Amino acid sequence: MSRIEAKLIELQNTGQTECGEKLMKAVKYALSEWPAMKRVLENGDLELSNNLCEQMMRHIKMNLKTAGNIGSEGSANHNAFMYSVVESCRMAGIKVDSYLDKLMDCLKKAAIGEDLTHLLPCYCTQ
C-alpha cells in the first residue's frame, strides 16, 4: 500500500505535462480517498459502500414523495430521527416496539450526564 501511495504522489507531482488530464483527475481522487481506504484495510469490519443503508431507506424516500410536505424543518428532523431508530432496530434484528419500551424505561431512570451509548440499537439484544 505504501508503494502505491508513493506512486500516486509521484504522479501527482509530475503534473499534467507527462500525464493525461483524466489520469491526473483519477490520481487526485485516489489521493483524496486514501485515508478512508487505509481505514478500510486496517479494519475489516468496515463496509466499502453505503448501498445497504440506501436500500433500507428507499421505502422511506418513496413514502416522503407520496406524503408531500412534512411541514417544518423541525418536523423533518424528528421524522428522520425516528426513521433512523426504526431502521437501526431492523438492521440489528430487534423488535422496534420492545426496543422503544426498554429505551423509555431506561431514559426515565437515567441520571443527567450519564453515558447512554449502551442503549443504542446496535448494542442491544432481544
N, C-alpha and C. Protein backbone atom coordinates (compact mmCIF):
# COMPACT_ATOMS: atom_id res chain seq x y z
N MET A 1 0.82 -1.19 0.00
CA MET A 1 0.00 0.00 0.00
C MET A 1 0.87 1.25 0.00
N SER A 2 1.97 1.23 0.72
CA SER A 2 2.83 2.41 0.77
C SER A 2 3.48 2.66 -0.60
N ARG A 3 3.77 1.57 -1.34
CA ARG A 3 4.34 1.75 -2.69
C ARG A 3 3.30 2.37 -3.63
N ILE A 4 2.06 1.94 -3.51
CA ILE A 4 1.00 2.51 -4.35
C ILE A 4 0.82 3.99 -4.02
N GLU A 5 0.80 4.31 -2.72
CA GLU A 5 0.65 5.71 -2.32
C GLU A 5 1.81 6.56 -2.84
N ALA A 6 3.02 6.03 -2.73
CA ALA A 6 4.19 6.76 -3.22
C ALA A 6 4.09 7.00 -4.72
N LYS A 7 3.62 6.01 -5.46
CA LYS A 7 3.48 6.16 -6.92
C LYS A 7 2.41 7.20 -7.26
N LEU A 8 1.32 7.21 -6.51
CA LEU A 8 0.28 8.21 -6.73
C LEU A 8 0.80 9.62 -6.47
N ILE A 9 1.55 9.78 -5.39
CA ILE A 9 2.12 11.09 -5.07
C ILE A 9 3.11 11.51 -6.15
N GLU A 10 3.90 10.55 -6.63
CA GLU A 10 4.86 10.84 -7.70
C GLU A 10 4.12 11.31 -8.96
N LEU A 11 3.06 10.62 -9.32
CA LEU A 11 2.27 11.01 -10.49
C LEU A 11 1.65 12.40 -10.30
N GLN A 12 1.20 12.68 -9.08
CA GLN A 12 0.61 13.98 -8.81
C GLN A 12 1.65 15.09 -8.95
N ASN A 13 2.87 14.82 -8.52
CA ASN A 13 3.92 15.83 -8.57
C ASN A 13 4.46 16.07 -9.98
N THR A 14 4.29 15.10 -10.89
CA THR A 14 4.80 15.29 -12.24
C THR A 14 3.99 16.31 -13.01
N GLY A 15 2.75 16.51 -12.64
CA GLY A 15 1.90 17.49 -13.31
C GLY A 15 1.28 16.94 -14.56
N GLN A 16 0.55 17.78 -15.27
CA GLN A 16 -0.19 17.34 -16.45
C GLN A 16 0.69 17.23 -17.69
N THR A 17 1.92 17.66 -17.64
CA THR A 17 2.77 17.59 -18.83
C THR A 17 3.07 16.16 -19.25
N GLU A 18 3.26 15.28 -18.27
CA GLU A 18 3.59 13.89 -18.59
C GLU A 18 2.35 12.98 -18.59
N CYS A 19 1.34 13.35 -17.84
CA CYS A 19 0.16 12.51 -17.71
C CYS A 19 -1.05 13.20 -18.35
N GLY A 20 -2.00 12.41 -18.79
CA GLY A 20 -3.21 12.97 -19.35
C GLY A 20 -4.09 13.60 -18.28
N GLU A 21 -5.02 14.42 -18.70
CA GLU A 21 -5.90 15.12 -17.77
C GLU A 21 -6.77 14.16 -16.97
N LYS A 22 -7.28 13.11 -17.63
CA LYS A 22 -8.14 12.15 -16.93
C LYS A 22 -7.35 11.35 -15.91
N LEU A 23 -6.11 10.99 -16.24
CA LEU A 23 -5.28 10.27 -15.28
C LEU A 23 -5.00 11.14 -14.07
N MET A 24 -4.73 12.42 -14.29
CA MET A 24 -4.46 13.32 -13.17
C MET A 24 -5.70 13.47 -12.28
N LYS A 25 -6.87 13.50 -12.89
CA LYS A 25 -8.11 13.59 -12.14
C LYS A 25 -8.29 12.33 -11.28
N ALA A 26 -7.98 11.17 -11.85
CA ALA A 26 -8.09 9.90 -11.12
C ALA A 26 -7.08 9.85 -9.97
N VAL A 27 -5.87 10.32 -10.21
CA VAL A 27 -4.83 10.33 -9.17
C VAL A 27 -5.26 11.24 -8.02
N LYS A 28 -5.78 12.41 -8.36
CA LYS A 28 -6.23 13.36 -7.33
C LYS A 28 -7.35 12.74 -6.50
N TYR A 29 -8.28 12.06 -7.16
CA TYR A 29 -9.38 11.41 -6.45
C TYR A 29 -8.86 10.30 -5.54
N ALA A 30 -7.95 9.48 -6.06
CA ALA A 30 -7.40 8.37 -5.27
C ALA A 30 -6.69 8.89 -4.02
N LEU A 31 -5.94 9.96 -4.17
CA LEU A 31 -5.23 10.52 -3.01
C LEU A 31 -6.20 11.16 -2.02
N SER A 32 -7.29 11.73 -2.50
CA SER A 32 -8.26 12.32 -1.57
C SER A 32 -8.99 11.24 -0.77
N GLU A 33 -9.14 10.04 -1.35
CA GLU A 33 -9.82 8.94 -0.67
C GLU A 33 -8.84 8.01 0.06
N TRP A 34 -7.57 8.30 0.00
CA TRP A 34 -6.56 7.41 0.56
C TRP A 34 -6.73 7.15 2.06
N PRO A 35 -6.99 8.17 2.89
CA PRO A 35 -7.17 7.88 4.33
C PRO A 35 -8.32 6.92 4.59
N ALA A 36 -9.41 7.07 3.85
CA ALA A 36 -10.55 6.16 4.04
C ALA A 36 -10.17 4.74 3.61
N MET A 37 -9.43 4.62 2.52
CA MET A 37 -9.00 3.30 2.04
C MET A 37 -8.10 2.62 3.08
N LYS A 38 -7.22 3.39 3.70
CA LYS A 38 -6.35 2.82 4.73
C LYS A 38 -7.17 2.32 5.91
N ARG A 39 -8.20 3.10 6.30
CA ARG A 39 -9.07 2.69 7.41
C ARG A 39 -9.79 1.39 7.10
N VAL A 40 -10.28 1.26 5.87
CA VAL A 40 -10.99 0.05 5.47
C VAL A 40 -10.06 -1.16 5.52
N LEU A 41 -8.83 -1.00 5.05
CA LEU A 41 -7.89 -2.11 5.04
C LEU A 41 -7.39 -2.46 6.44
N GLU A 42 -7.33 -1.48 7.33
CA GLU A 42 -6.88 -1.74 8.70
C GLU A 42 -7.97 -2.41 9.53
N ASN A 43 -9.24 -2.11 9.21
CA ASN A 43 -10.35 -2.66 9.96
C ASN A 43 -11.29 -3.36 8.99
N GLY A 44 -11.25 -4.66 8.97
CA GLY A 44 -12.05 -5.44 8.03
C GLY A 44 -13.54 -5.40 8.27
N ASP A 45 -13.99 -4.84 9.40
CA ASP A 45 -15.42 -4.78 9.69
C ASP A 45 -16.12 -3.63 8.98
N LEU A 46 -15.35 -2.68 8.45
CA LEU A 46 -15.96 -1.52 7.80
C LEU A 46 -16.52 -1.90 6.44
N GLU A 47 -17.66 -1.31 6.12
CA GLU A 47 -18.29 -1.53 4.82
C GLU A 47 -17.61 -0.65 3.77
N LEU A 48 -17.50 -1.18 2.57
CA LEU A 48 -16.90 -0.39 1.49
C LEU A 48 -17.89 0.59 0.88
N SER A 49 -19.16 0.35 1.04
CA SER A 49 -20.15 1.26 0.46
C SER A 49 -21.33 1.38 1.41
N ASN A 50 -22.20 2.34 1.09
CA ASN A 50 -23.40 2.52 1.90
C ASN A 50 -24.63 2.00 1.18
N ASN A 51 -24.45 1.08 0.25
CA ASN A 51 -25.58 0.54 -0.52
C ASN A 51 -26.64 -0.08 0.37
N LEU A 52 -26.24 -0.81 1.40
CA LEU A 52 -27.21 -1.44 2.30
C LEU A 52 -28.09 -0.39 2.95
N CYS A 53 -27.48 0.67 3.45
CA CYS A 53 -28.27 1.74 4.08
C CYS A 53 -29.20 2.40 3.08
N GLU A 54 -28.70 2.65 1.88
CA GLU A 54 -29.53 3.28 0.86
C GLU A 54 -30.72 2.39 0.49
N GLN A 55 -30.49 1.09 0.39
CA GLN A 55 -31.58 0.17 0.07
C GLN A 55 -32.62 0.15 1.18
N MET A 56 -32.16 0.20 2.43
CA MET A 56 -33.09 0.16 3.55
C MET A 56 -33.90 1.45 3.66
N MET A 57 -33.35 2.55 3.17
CA MET A 57 -34.04 3.83 3.27
C MET A 57 -34.90 4.12 2.04
N ARG A 58 -34.87 3.26 1.04
CA ARG A 58 -35.62 3.51 -0.20
C ARG A 58 -37.12 3.66 0.06
N HIS A 59 -37.69 2.77 0.88
CA HIS A 59 -39.14 2.86 1.13
C HIS A 59 -39.49 4.14 1.89
N ILE A 60 -38.57 4.64 2.69
CA ILE A 60 -38.80 5.90 3.41
C ILE A 60 -38.87 7.05 2.41
N LYS A 61 -37.94 7.06 1.47
CA LYS A 61 -37.92 8.11 0.45
C LYS A 61 -39.20 8.06 -0.38
N MET A 62 -39.64 6.88 -0.74
CA MET A 62 -40.87 6.75 -1.51
C MET A 62 -42.07 7.25 -0.70
N ASN A 63 -42.08 6.98 0.59
CA ASN A 63 -43.15 7.46 1.46
C ASN A 63 -43.15 8.99 1.52
N LEU A 64 -41.97 9.59 1.60
CA LEU A 64 -41.89 11.04 1.65
C LEU A 64 -42.40 11.67 0.35
N LYS A 65 -42.14 11.00 -0.78
CA LYS A 65 -42.64 11.52 -2.05
C LYS A 65 -44.16 11.54 -2.05
N THR A 66 -44.77 10.50 -1.54
CA THR A 66 -46.24 10.44 -1.55
C THR A 66 -46.85 11.27 -0.44
N ALA A 67 -46.13 11.47 0.66
CA ALA A 67 -46.66 12.23 1.79
C ALA A 67 -46.66 13.73 1.53
N GLY A 68 -45.85 14.16 0.60
CA GLY A 68 -45.79 15.59 0.30
C GLY A 68 -44.91 16.31 1.29
N ASN A 69 -45.39 17.42 1.79
CA ASN A 69 -44.60 18.28 2.66
C ASN A 69 -44.73 17.83 4.12
N ILE A 70 -43.62 17.72 4.81
CA ILE A 70 -43.63 17.31 6.22
C ILE A 70 -44.17 18.43 7.09
N GLY A 71 -43.90 19.66 6.73
CA GLY A 71 -44.47 20.78 7.48
C GLY A 71 -43.44 21.79 7.91
N SER A 72 -42.36 21.34 8.56
CA SER A 72 -41.34 22.27 9.02
C SER A 72 -40.00 21.54 9.10
N GLU A 73 -38.96 22.32 9.26
CA GLU A 73 -37.63 21.72 9.38
C GLU A 73 -37.51 20.90 10.66
N GLY A 74 -38.12 21.38 11.72
CA GLY A 74 -38.11 20.63 12.98
C GLY A 74 -38.81 19.29 12.85
N SER A 75 -39.94 19.29 12.15
CA SER A 75 -40.67 18.04 11.93
C SER A 75 -39.84 17.07 11.08
N ALA A 76 -39.16 17.62 10.09
CA ALA A 76 -38.32 16.78 9.24
C ALA A 76 -37.19 16.15 10.04
N ASN A 77 -36.59 16.90 10.96
CA ASN A 77 -35.52 16.35 11.80
C ASN A 77 -36.04 15.25 12.71
N HIS A 78 -37.21 15.46 13.33
CA HIS A 78 -37.79 14.43 14.19
C HIS A 78 -38.16 13.18 13.39
N ASN A 79 -38.71 13.39 12.21
CA ASN A 79 -39.08 12.30 11.33
C ASN A 79 -37.86 11.48 10.94
N ALA A 80 -36.79 12.16 10.55
CA ALA A 80 -35.55 11.48 10.16
C ALA A 80 -34.97 10.70 11.34
N PHE A 81 -35.03 11.29 12.53
CA PHE A 81 -34.52 10.60 13.72
C PHE A 81 -35.27 9.30 13.99
N MET A 82 -36.60 9.36 13.92
CA MET A 82 -37.39 8.17 14.19
C MET A 82 -37.19 7.11 13.12
N TYR A 83 -37.09 7.52 11.85
CA TYR A 83 -36.80 6.55 10.80
C TYR A 83 -35.45 5.89 11.04
N SER A 84 -34.48 6.67 11.50
CA SER A 84 -33.16 6.13 11.77
C SER A 84 -33.20 5.09 12.90
N VAL A 85 -33.96 5.37 13.94
CA VAL A 85 -34.11 4.42 15.05
C VAL A 85 -34.77 3.14 14.56
N VAL A 86 -35.84 3.28 13.80
CA VAL A 86 -36.57 2.10 13.30
C VAL A 86 -35.68 1.25 12.41
N GLU A 87 -34.97 1.88 11.48
CA GLU A 87 -34.10 1.11 10.57
C GLU A 87 -32.92 0.49 11.31
N SER A 88 -32.40 1.17 12.32
CA SER A 88 -31.31 0.60 13.12
C SER A 88 -31.78 -0.65 13.86
N CYS A 89 -33.00 -0.60 14.37
CA CYS A 89 -33.57 -1.77 15.05
C CYS A 89 -33.72 -2.92 14.06
N ARG A 90 -34.22 -2.62 12.87
CA ARG A 90 -34.39 -3.67 11.87
C ARG A 90 -33.05 -4.29 11.49
N MET A 91 -32.02 -3.45 11.33
CA MET A 91 -30.70 -3.97 10.97
C MET A 91 -30.14 -4.87 12.07
N ALA A 92 -30.44 -4.52 13.33
CA ALA A 92 -29.93 -5.30 14.46
C ALA A 92 -30.83 -6.49 14.79
N GLY A 93 -31.96 -6.63 14.10
CA GLY A 93 -32.87 -7.74 14.36
C GLY A 93 -33.66 -7.59 15.64
N ILE A 94 -33.93 -6.36 16.02
CA ILE A 94 -34.65 -6.07 17.26
C ILE A 94 -36.07 -5.62 16.93
N LYS A 95 -37.05 -6.06 17.72
CA LYS A 95 -38.42 -5.59 17.56
C LYS A 95 -38.49 -4.13 18.00
N VAL A 96 -39.00 -3.28 17.13
CA VAL A 96 -39.00 -1.84 17.38
C VAL A 96 -39.80 -1.48 18.62
N ASP A 97 -40.99 -2.05 18.78
CA ASP A 97 -41.83 -1.68 19.92
C ASP A 97 -41.19 -2.07 21.26
N SER A 98 -40.60 -3.27 21.32
CA SER A 98 -39.96 -3.68 22.58
C SER A 98 -38.71 -2.84 22.86
N TYR A 99 -37.98 -2.47 21.79
CA TYR A 99 -36.81 -1.61 21.97
C TYR A 99 -37.23 -0.25 22.52
N LEU A 100 -38.28 0.34 21.95
CA LEU A 100 -38.73 1.66 22.41
C LEU A 100 -39.24 1.60 23.85
N ASP A 101 -39.93 0.51 24.23
CA ASP A 101 -40.38 0.35 25.62
C ASP A 101 -39.18 0.31 26.56
N LYS A 102 -38.19 -0.50 26.20
CA LYS A 102 -36.98 -0.62 27.03
C LYS A 102 -36.24 0.71 27.10
N LEU A 103 -36.16 1.40 25.96
CA LEU A 103 -35.46 2.69 25.91
C LEU A 103 -36.13 3.71 26.82
N MET A 104 -37.45 3.80 26.74
CA MET A 104 -38.17 4.78 27.57
C MET A 104 -38.01 4.48 29.06
N ASP A 105 -38.05 3.19 29.43
CA ASP A 105 -37.84 2.82 30.84
C ASP A 105 -36.45 3.23 31.31
N CYS A 106 -35.44 2.97 30.48
CA CYS A 106 -34.07 3.32 30.85
C CYS A 106 -33.87 4.83 30.91
N LEU A 107 -34.51 5.57 30.00
CA LEU A 107 -34.36 7.03 30.00
C LEU A 107 -35.00 7.65 31.23
N LYS A 108 -36.09 7.06 31.74
CA LYS A 108 -36.74 7.57 32.96
C LYS A 108 -35.79 7.46 34.15
N LYS A 109 -35.01 6.36 34.19
CA LYS A 109 -34.14 6.09 35.33
C LYS A 109 -32.74 6.69 35.17
N ALA A 110 -32.41 7.21 33.99
CA ALA A 110 -31.05 7.70 33.73
C ALA A 110 -30.78 9.00 34.48
N ALA A 111 -29.53 9.11 34.92
CA ALA A 111 -29.10 10.34 35.59
C ALA A 111 -28.62 11.35 34.54
N ILE A 112 -28.68 12.61 34.89
CA ILE A 112 -28.22 13.65 33.98
C ILE A 112 -26.72 13.48 33.75
N GLY A 113 -26.32 13.49 32.50
CA GLY A 113 -24.90 13.35 32.14
C GLY A 113 -24.43 11.91 32.03
N GLU A 114 -25.31 10.96 32.29
CA GLU A 114 -24.93 9.54 32.21
C GLU A 114 -24.68 9.14 30.75
N ASP A 115 -23.69 8.29 30.53
CA ASP A 115 -23.40 7.80 29.18
C ASP A 115 -24.46 6.76 28.81
N LEU A 116 -25.21 7.05 27.75
CA LEU A 116 -26.31 6.18 27.34
C LEU A 116 -26.01 5.45 26.03
N THR A 117 -24.76 5.37 25.68
CA THR A 117 -24.36 4.71 24.44
C THR A 117 -24.85 3.27 24.38
N HIS A 118 -24.85 2.61 25.51
CA HIS A 118 -25.28 1.20 25.55
C HIS A 118 -26.74 1.00 25.17
N LEU A 119 -27.50 2.09 25.10
CA LEU A 119 -28.92 2.00 24.74
C LEU A 119 -29.17 2.06 23.24
N LEU A 120 -28.13 2.32 22.46
CA LEU A 120 -28.30 2.35 21.01
C LEU A 120 -28.68 0.97 20.50
N PRO A 121 -29.48 0.91 19.43
CA PRO A 121 -29.94 -0.40 18.94
C PRO A 121 -28.82 -1.37 18.61
N CYS A 122 -27.70 -0.87 18.14
CA CYS A 122 -26.60 -1.78 17.77
C CYS A 122 -25.98 -2.48 18.96
N TYR A 123 -26.20 -1.96 20.19
CA TYR A 123 -25.64 -2.58 21.39
C TYR A 123 -26.67 -3.40 22.16
N CYS A 124 -27.92 -3.33 21.75
CA CYS A 124 -28.99 -4.03 22.48
C CYS A 124 -29.21 -5.43 21.93
N THR A 125 -29.67 -6.30 22.79
CA THR A 125 -30.05 -7.64 22.36
C THR A 125 -31.48 -7.89 22.83
N GLN A 126 -32.19 -8.73 22.09
CA GLN A 126 -33.59 -9.04 22.42
C GLN A 126 -33.63 -9.90 23.65
